[in-house]
Amino acid sequence: MDNVFDSFKAQTFDVIATTMGYDAQCRGITARVLFNHPSENEKLSEHNYDYDRPTLEFKVNDWKGIREAIERKEDVLITVRGKEYYAMKIIGDDRIAQDGDTYKVLLEEA
């Protein structure tokens, strides 16, 4: 049987992405993502937010093959909020977000 907290974790991401996330397109596929592009540098808890480096998070099973394309240094364009960004690299330990179920991508404006 799966750990009950795993289902809570997945539900939490879905609720946050539904209420505060954005639809993003990459290679013809739309996924709901968490997009972070602060207007100024700030520190919140142990996280530093750099307005020059937007990030987004997407679920592991969304956008199949995109992580591999990013790691191969292919040009991966992601459109979010009507603007295009290059996916520069997957960040985090073992290139996976701390929750183990999402990828966090460092972006650069196209």
N, C-alpha and C. Protein backbone atom coordinates (compact mmCIF):
# COMPACT_ATOMS: atom_id res chain seq x y z
N MET A 1 0.84 -1.18 0.00
CA MET A 1 0.00 0.00 0.00
C MET A 1 0.88 1.24 0.00
N ASP A 2 0.49 2.24 -0.78
CA ASP A 2 1.25 3.49 -0.83
C ASP A 2 1.14 4.24 0.49
N ASN A 3 2.16 5.00 0.77
CA ASN A 3 2.17 5.86 1.95
C ASN A 3 1.09 6.93 1.79
N VAL A 4 0.28 7.13 2.82
CA VAL A 4 -0.80 8.10 2.76
C VAL A 4 -0.26 9.51 2.50
N PHE A 5 0.94 9.79 2.97
CA PHE A 5 1.51 11.12 2.78
C PHE A 5 1.89 11.38 1.32
N ASP A 6 2.19 10.32 0.56
CA ASP A 6 2.47 10.51 -0.86
C ASP A 6 1.25 11.04 -1.60
N SER A 7 0.07 10.52 -1.27
CA SER A 7 -1.13 11.02 -1.94
C SER A 7 -1.44 12.45 -1.49
N PHE A 8 -1.19 12.76 -0.21
CA PHE A 8 -1.37 14.15 0.25
C PHE A 8 -0.43 15.10 -0.47
N LYS A 9 0.81 14.64 -0.69
CA LYS A 9 1.81 15.47 -1.37
C LYS A 9 1.35 15.77 -2.80
N ALA A 10 0.89 14.76 -3.50
CA ALA A 10 0.42 14.95 -4.88
C ALA A 10 -0.80 15.86 -4.91
N GLN A 11 -1.72 15.66 -3.98
CA GLN A 11 -2.91 16.51 -3.92
C GLN A 11 -2.53 17.96 -3.62
N THR A 12 -1.54 18.15 -2.74
CA THR A 12 -1.11 19.50 -2.39
C THR A 12 -0.56 20.23 -3.60
N PHE A 13 0.31 19.57 -4.38
CA PHE A 13 0.85 20.20 -5.58
C PHE A 13 -0.29 20.55 -6.53
N ASP A 14 -1.22 19.62 -6.72
CA ASP A 14 -2.32 19.87 -7.65
C ASP A 14 -3.18 21.05 -7.20
N VAL A 15 -3.47 21.14 -5.91
CA VAL A 15 -4.28 22.25 -5.41
C VAL A 15 -3.55 23.58 -5.60
N ILE A 16 -2.26 23.60 -5.25
CA ILE A 16 -1.49 24.84 -5.40
C ILE A 16 -1.37 25.22 -6.87
N ALA A 17 -1.08 24.23 -7.72
CA ALA A 17 -0.94 24.52 -9.16
C ALA A 17 -2.27 24.99 -9.75
N THR A 18 -3.37 24.42 -9.29
CA THR A 18 -4.68 24.84 -9.79
C THR A 18 -5.00 26.26 -9.38
N THR A 19 -4.71 26.60 -8.13
CA THR A 19 -5.10 27.92 -7.63
C THR A 19 -4.08 29.01 -7.92
N MET A 20 -2.79 28.66 -7.95
CA MET A 20 -1.75 29.68 -8.09
C MET A 20 -0.81 29.43 -9.25
N GLY A 21 -0.98 28.32 -9.96
CA GLY A 21 -0.08 27.99 -11.04
C GLY A 21 -0.53 28.56 -12.37
N TYR A 22 0.19 28.16 -13.41
CA TYR A 22 -0.07 28.65 -14.77
C TYR A 22 -0.01 27.48 -15.74
N ASP A 23 -0.78 27.60 -16.82
CA ASP A 23 -0.61 26.67 -17.92
C ASP A 23 0.63 27.08 -18.69
N ALA A 24 1.47 26.11 -19.00
CA ALA A 24 2.69 26.37 -19.76
C ALA A 24 2.76 25.36 -20.90
N GLN A 25 3.33 25.80 -22.02
CA GLN A 25 3.46 24.94 -23.18
C GLN A 25 4.93 24.66 -23.46
N CYS A 26 5.18 23.41 -23.81
CA CYS A 26 6.53 23.00 -24.21
C CYS A 26 6.40 21.88 -25.22
N ARG A 27 6.91 22.12 -26.40
CA ARG A 27 6.90 21.13 -27.48
C ARG A 27 5.50 20.57 -27.74
N GLY A 28 4.53 21.47 -27.75
CA GLY A 28 3.16 21.08 -28.09
C GLY A 28 2.35 20.47 -26.97
N ILE A 29 2.91 20.38 -25.78
CA ILE A 29 2.21 19.80 -24.64
C ILE A 29 2.00 20.88 -23.59
N THR A 30 0.78 20.93 -23.05
CA THR A 30 0.46 21.89 -22.00
C THR A 30 0.48 21.18 -20.65
N ALA A 31 1.10 21.81 -19.67
CA ALA A 31 1.13 21.29 -18.30
C ALA A 31 0.86 22.45 -17.34
N ARG A 32 0.33 22.13 -16.20
CA ARG A 32 0.12 23.13 -15.15
C ARG A 32 1.39 23.19 -14.33
N VAL A 33 1.96 24.38 -14.16
CA VAL A 33 3.26 24.54 -13.51
C VAL A 33 3.19 25.59 -12.41
N LEU A 34 4.16 25.53 -11.53
CA LEU A 34 4.39 26.59 -10.55
C LEU A 34 5.50 27.45 -11.11
N PHE A 35 5.22 28.72 -11.33
CA PHE A 35 6.14 29.64 -11.98
C PHE A 35 6.55 30.71 -10.99
N ASN A 36 7.86 30.95 -10.89
CA ASN A 36 8.38 31.94 -9.95
C ASN A 36 9.26 32.93 -10.70
N HIS A 37 8.79 34.17 -10.78
CA HIS A 37 9.57 35.24 -11.40
C HIS A 37 9.36 36.50 -10.57
N PRO A 38 10.04 36.58 -9.42
CA PRO A 38 9.84 37.73 -8.53
C PRO A 38 10.30 39.02 -9.18
N SER A 39 9.74 40.12 -8.71
CA SER A 39 10.08 41.43 -9.27
C SER A 39 11.31 42.04 -8.62
N GLU A 40 11.78 41.45 -7.54
CA GLU A 40 12.99 41.94 -6.89
C GLU A 40 13.63 40.80 -6.11
N ASN A 41 14.93 40.94 -5.82
CA ASN A 41 15.60 39.92 -5.02
C ASN A 41 15.00 39.92 -3.62
N GLU A 42 14.78 38.75 -3.09
CA GLU A 42 14.23 38.65 -1.75
C GLU A 42 14.62 37.31 -1.14
N LYS A 43 14.54 37.25 0.17
CA LYS A 43 14.82 36.00 0.87
C LYS A 43 13.59 35.68 1.70
N LEU A 44 13.11 34.48 1.57
CA LEU A 44 11.96 34.02 2.32
C LEU A 44 12.33 32.67 2.93
N SER A 45 12.34 32.62 4.25
CA SER A 45 12.78 31.42 4.94
C SER A 45 14.20 31.10 4.49
N GLU A 46 14.46 29.87 4.07
CA GLU A 46 15.82 29.52 3.63
C GLU A 46 15.98 29.66 2.12
N HIS A 47 14.98 30.18 1.43
CA HIS A 47 15.02 30.28 -0.02
C HIS A 47 15.37 31.70 -0.46
N ASN A 48 16.31 31.79 -1.40
CA ASN A 48 16.63 33.07 -2.02
C ASN A 48 15.95 33.12 -3.37
N TYR A 49 15.32 34.25 -3.68
CA TYR A 49 14.67 34.44 -4.96
C TYR A 49 15.39 35.54 -5.71
N ASP A 50 15.86 35.20 -6.90
CA ASP A 50 16.63 36.13 -7.72
C ASP A 50 15.76 36.52 -8.91
N TYR A 51 15.43 37.80 -9.03
CA TYR A 51 14.53 38.22 -10.10
C TYR A 51 15.15 38.04 -11.48
N ASP A 52 16.46 37.91 -11.56
CA ASP A 52 17.10 37.68 -12.86
C ASP A 52 16.97 36.23 -13.32
N ARG A 53 16.60 35.32 -12.44
CA ARG A 53 16.57 33.90 -12.77
C ARG A 53 15.22 33.28 -12.42
N PRO A 54 14.25 33.38 -13.31
CA PRO A 54 12.96 32.75 -13.04
C PRO A 54 13.09 31.22 -13.00
N THR A 55 12.19 30.60 -12.28
CA THR A 55 12.15 29.14 -12.19
C THR A 55 10.71 28.67 -12.37
N LEU A 56 10.58 27.39 -12.70
CA LEU A 56 9.27 26.77 -12.67
C LEU A 56 9.42 25.33 -12.22
N GLU A 57 8.34 24.79 -11.70
CA GLU A 57 8.30 23.39 -11.29
C GLU A 57 7.18 22.70 -12.05
N PHE A 58 7.48 21.48 -12.50
CA PHE A 58 6.45 20.67 -13.15
C PHE A 58 6.54 19.24 -12.64
N LYS A 59 5.41 18.55 -12.69
CA LYS A 59 5.36 17.19 -12.18
C LYS A 59 6.19 16.25 -13.05
N VAL A 60 6.78 15.26 -12.41
CA VAL A 60 7.67 14.32 -13.09
C VAL A 60 7.00 13.67 -14.30
N ASN A 61 5.74 13.33 -14.21
CA ASN A 61 5.08 12.63 -15.31
C ASN A 61 4.49 13.55 -16.38
N ASP A 62 4.59 14.86 -16.18
CA ASP A 62 4.19 15.81 -17.22
C ASP A 62 5.41 16.05 -18.13
N TRP A 63 5.17 16.41 -19.36
CA TRP A 63 6.25 16.75 -20.29
C TRP A 63 7.31 15.65 -20.38
N LYS A 64 6.88 14.46 -20.71
CA LYS A 64 7.82 13.33 -20.84
C LYS A 64 8.93 13.67 -21.83
N GLY A 65 10.16 13.37 -21.44
CA GLY A 65 11.33 13.60 -22.28
C GLY A 65 11.94 14.98 -22.18
N ILE A 66 11.26 15.91 -21.53
CA ILE A 66 11.78 17.28 -21.44
C ILE A 66 13.00 17.34 -20.53
N ARG A 67 12.96 16.64 -19.40
CA ARG A 67 14.13 16.63 -18.50
C ARG A 67 15.36 16.14 -19.26
N GLU A 68 15.20 15.07 -20.01
CA GLU A 68 16.33 14.52 -20.76
C GLU A 68 16.81 15.50 -21.82
N ALA A 69 15.89 16.18 -22.49
CA ALA A 69 16.27 17.18 -23.50
C ALA A 69 17.04 18.33 -22.87
N ILE A 70 16.60 18.77 -21.69
CA ILE A 70 17.31 19.84 -20.99
C ILE A 70 18.71 19.38 -20.62
N GLU A 71 18.83 18.15 -20.12
CA GLU A 71 20.14 17.63 -19.72
C GLU A 71 21.07 17.44 -20.91
N ARG A 72 20.50 17.20 -22.11
CA ARG A 72 21.31 17.08 -23.32
C ARG A 72 21.67 18.45 -23.89
N LYS A 73 21.23 19.51 -23.20
CA LYS A 73 21.51 20.90 -23.60
C LYS A 73 20.83 21.26 -24.92
N GLU A 74 19.70 20.62 -25.21
CA GLU A 74 18.92 21.00 -26.38
C GLU A 74 18.23 22.33 -26.09
N ASP A 75 17.85 23.05 -27.15
CA ASP A 75 17.05 24.26 -26.97
C ASP A 75 15.63 23.85 -26.61
N VAL A 76 15.28 24.04 -25.36
CA VAL A 76 13.93 23.72 -24.89
C VAL A 76 13.25 25.03 -24.54
N LEU A 77 12.24 25.39 -25.31
CA LEU A 77 11.48 26.62 -25.08
C LEU A 77 10.20 26.29 -24.33
N ILE A 78 9.95 27.04 -23.27
CA ILE A 78 8.73 26.90 -22.48
C ILE A 78 8.01 28.24 -22.53
N THR A 79 6.74 28.21 -22.87
CA THR A 79 5.93 29.42 -22.90
C THR A 79 5.02 29.43 -21.69
N VAL A 80 5.15 30.48 -20.90
CA VAL A 80 4.30 30.63 -19.71
C VAL A 80 3.90 32.10 -19.61
N ARG A 81 2.62 32.34 -19.37
CA ARG A 81 2.08 33.70 -19.29
C ARG A 81 2.38 34.50 -20.56
N GLY A 82 2.37 33.83 -21.71
CA GLY A 82 2.57 34.50 -22.98
C GLY A 82 4.01 34.86 -23.31
N LYS A 83 4.94 34.42 -22.51
CA LYS A 83 6.35 34.76 -22.72
C LYS A 83 7.16 33.47 -22.86
N GLU A 84 8.18 33.51 -23.74
CA GLU A 84 9.02 32.33 -23.95
C GLU A 84 10.27 32.39 -23.10
N TYR A 85 10.64 31.22 -22.58
CA TYR A 85 11.84 31.07 -21.75
C TYR A 85 12.60 29.84 -22.23
N TYR A 86 13.92 29.93 -22.19
CA TYR A 86 14.75 28.75 -22.40
C TYR A 86 14.89 28.02 -21.08
N ALA A 87 14.74 26.71 -21.11
CA ALA A 87 14.98 25.88 -19.94
C ALA A 87 16.49 25.63 -19.89
N MET A 88 17.15 26.21 -18.91
CA MET A 88 18.61 26.14 -18.84
C MET A 88 19.11 24.87 -18.17
N LYS A 89 18.51 24.52 -17.03
CA LYS A 89 18.92 23.29 -16.36
C LYS A 89 17.92 22.93 -15.28
N ILE A 90 17.93 21.65 -14.94
CA ILE A 90 17.15 21.15 -13.82
C ILE A 90 17.99 21.38 -12.58
N ILE A 91 17.40 21.96 -11.54
CA ILE A 91 18.17 22.24 -10.33
C ILE A 91 17.63 21.42 -9.17
N GLY A 92 18.47 21.24 -8.17
CA GLY A 92 18.11 20.45 -6.99
C GLY A 92 18.98 19.21 -6.90
N ASP A 93 18.96 18.60 -5.73
CA ASP A 93 19.71 17.36 -5.53
C ASP A 93 19.21 16.30 -6.50
N ASP A 94 20.13 15.65 -7.18
CA ASP A 94 19.80 14.63 -8.17
C ASP A 94 18.83 15.14 -9.22
N ARG A 95 18.86 16.47 -9.47
CA ARG A 95 18.03 17.11 -10.48
C ARG A 95 16.54 16.82 -10.29
N ILE A 96 16.13 16.77 -9.04
CA ILE A 96 14.71 16.59 -8.74
C ILE A 96 14.39 17.44 -7.53
N ALA A 97 13.21 18.00 -7.49
CA ALA A 97 12.84 18.86 -6.37
C ALA A 97 12.82 18.07 -5.07
N GLN A 98 12.83 18.78 -3.97
CA GLN A 98 12.92 18.14 -2.66
C GLN A 98 11.77 17.18 -2.39
N ASP A 99 10.62 17.39 -3.02
CA ASP A 99 9.50 16.50 -2.75
C ASP A 99 9.61 15.18 -3.51
N GLY A 100 10.54 15.09 -4.46
CA GLY A 100 10.75 13.85 -5.19
C GLY A 100 9.80 13.62 -6.35
N ASP A 101 8.84 14.49 -6.54
CA ASP A 101 7.84 14.29 -7.58
C ASP A 101 7.74 15.42 -8.59
N THR A 102 8.59 16.42 -8.46
CA THR A 102 8.58 17.53 -9.41
C THR A 102 10.00 17.88 -9.81
N TYR A 103 10.12 18.43 -11.02
CA TYR A 103 11.39 18.98 -11.47
C TYR A 103 11.34 20.48 -11.32
N LYS A 104 12.44 21.06 -10.88
CA LYS A 104 12.55 22.51 -10.79
C LYS A 104 13.54 22.95 -11.86
N VAL A 105 13.11 23.87 -12.72
CA VAL A 105 13.87 24.27 -13.89
C VAL A 105 14.28 25.73 -13.77
N LEU A 106 15.56 25.98 -14.00
CA LEU A 106 16.06 27.35 -14.07
C LEU A 106 15.81 27.85 -15.49
N LEU A 107 15.21 29.03 -15.61
CA LEU A 107 14.82 29.58 -16.91
C LEU A 107 15.62 30.82 -17.26
N GLU A 108 15.64 31.12 -18.54
CA GLU A 108 16.21 32.38 -19.03
C GLU A 108 15.28 32.91 -20.11
N GLU A 109 14.97 34.19 -20.05
CA GLU A 109 14.06 34.77 -21.04
C GLU A 109 14.64 34.61 -22.44
N ALA A 110 13.77 34.22 -23.37
CA ALA A 110 14.20 34.00 -24.76
C ALA A 110 14.32 35.33 -25.49
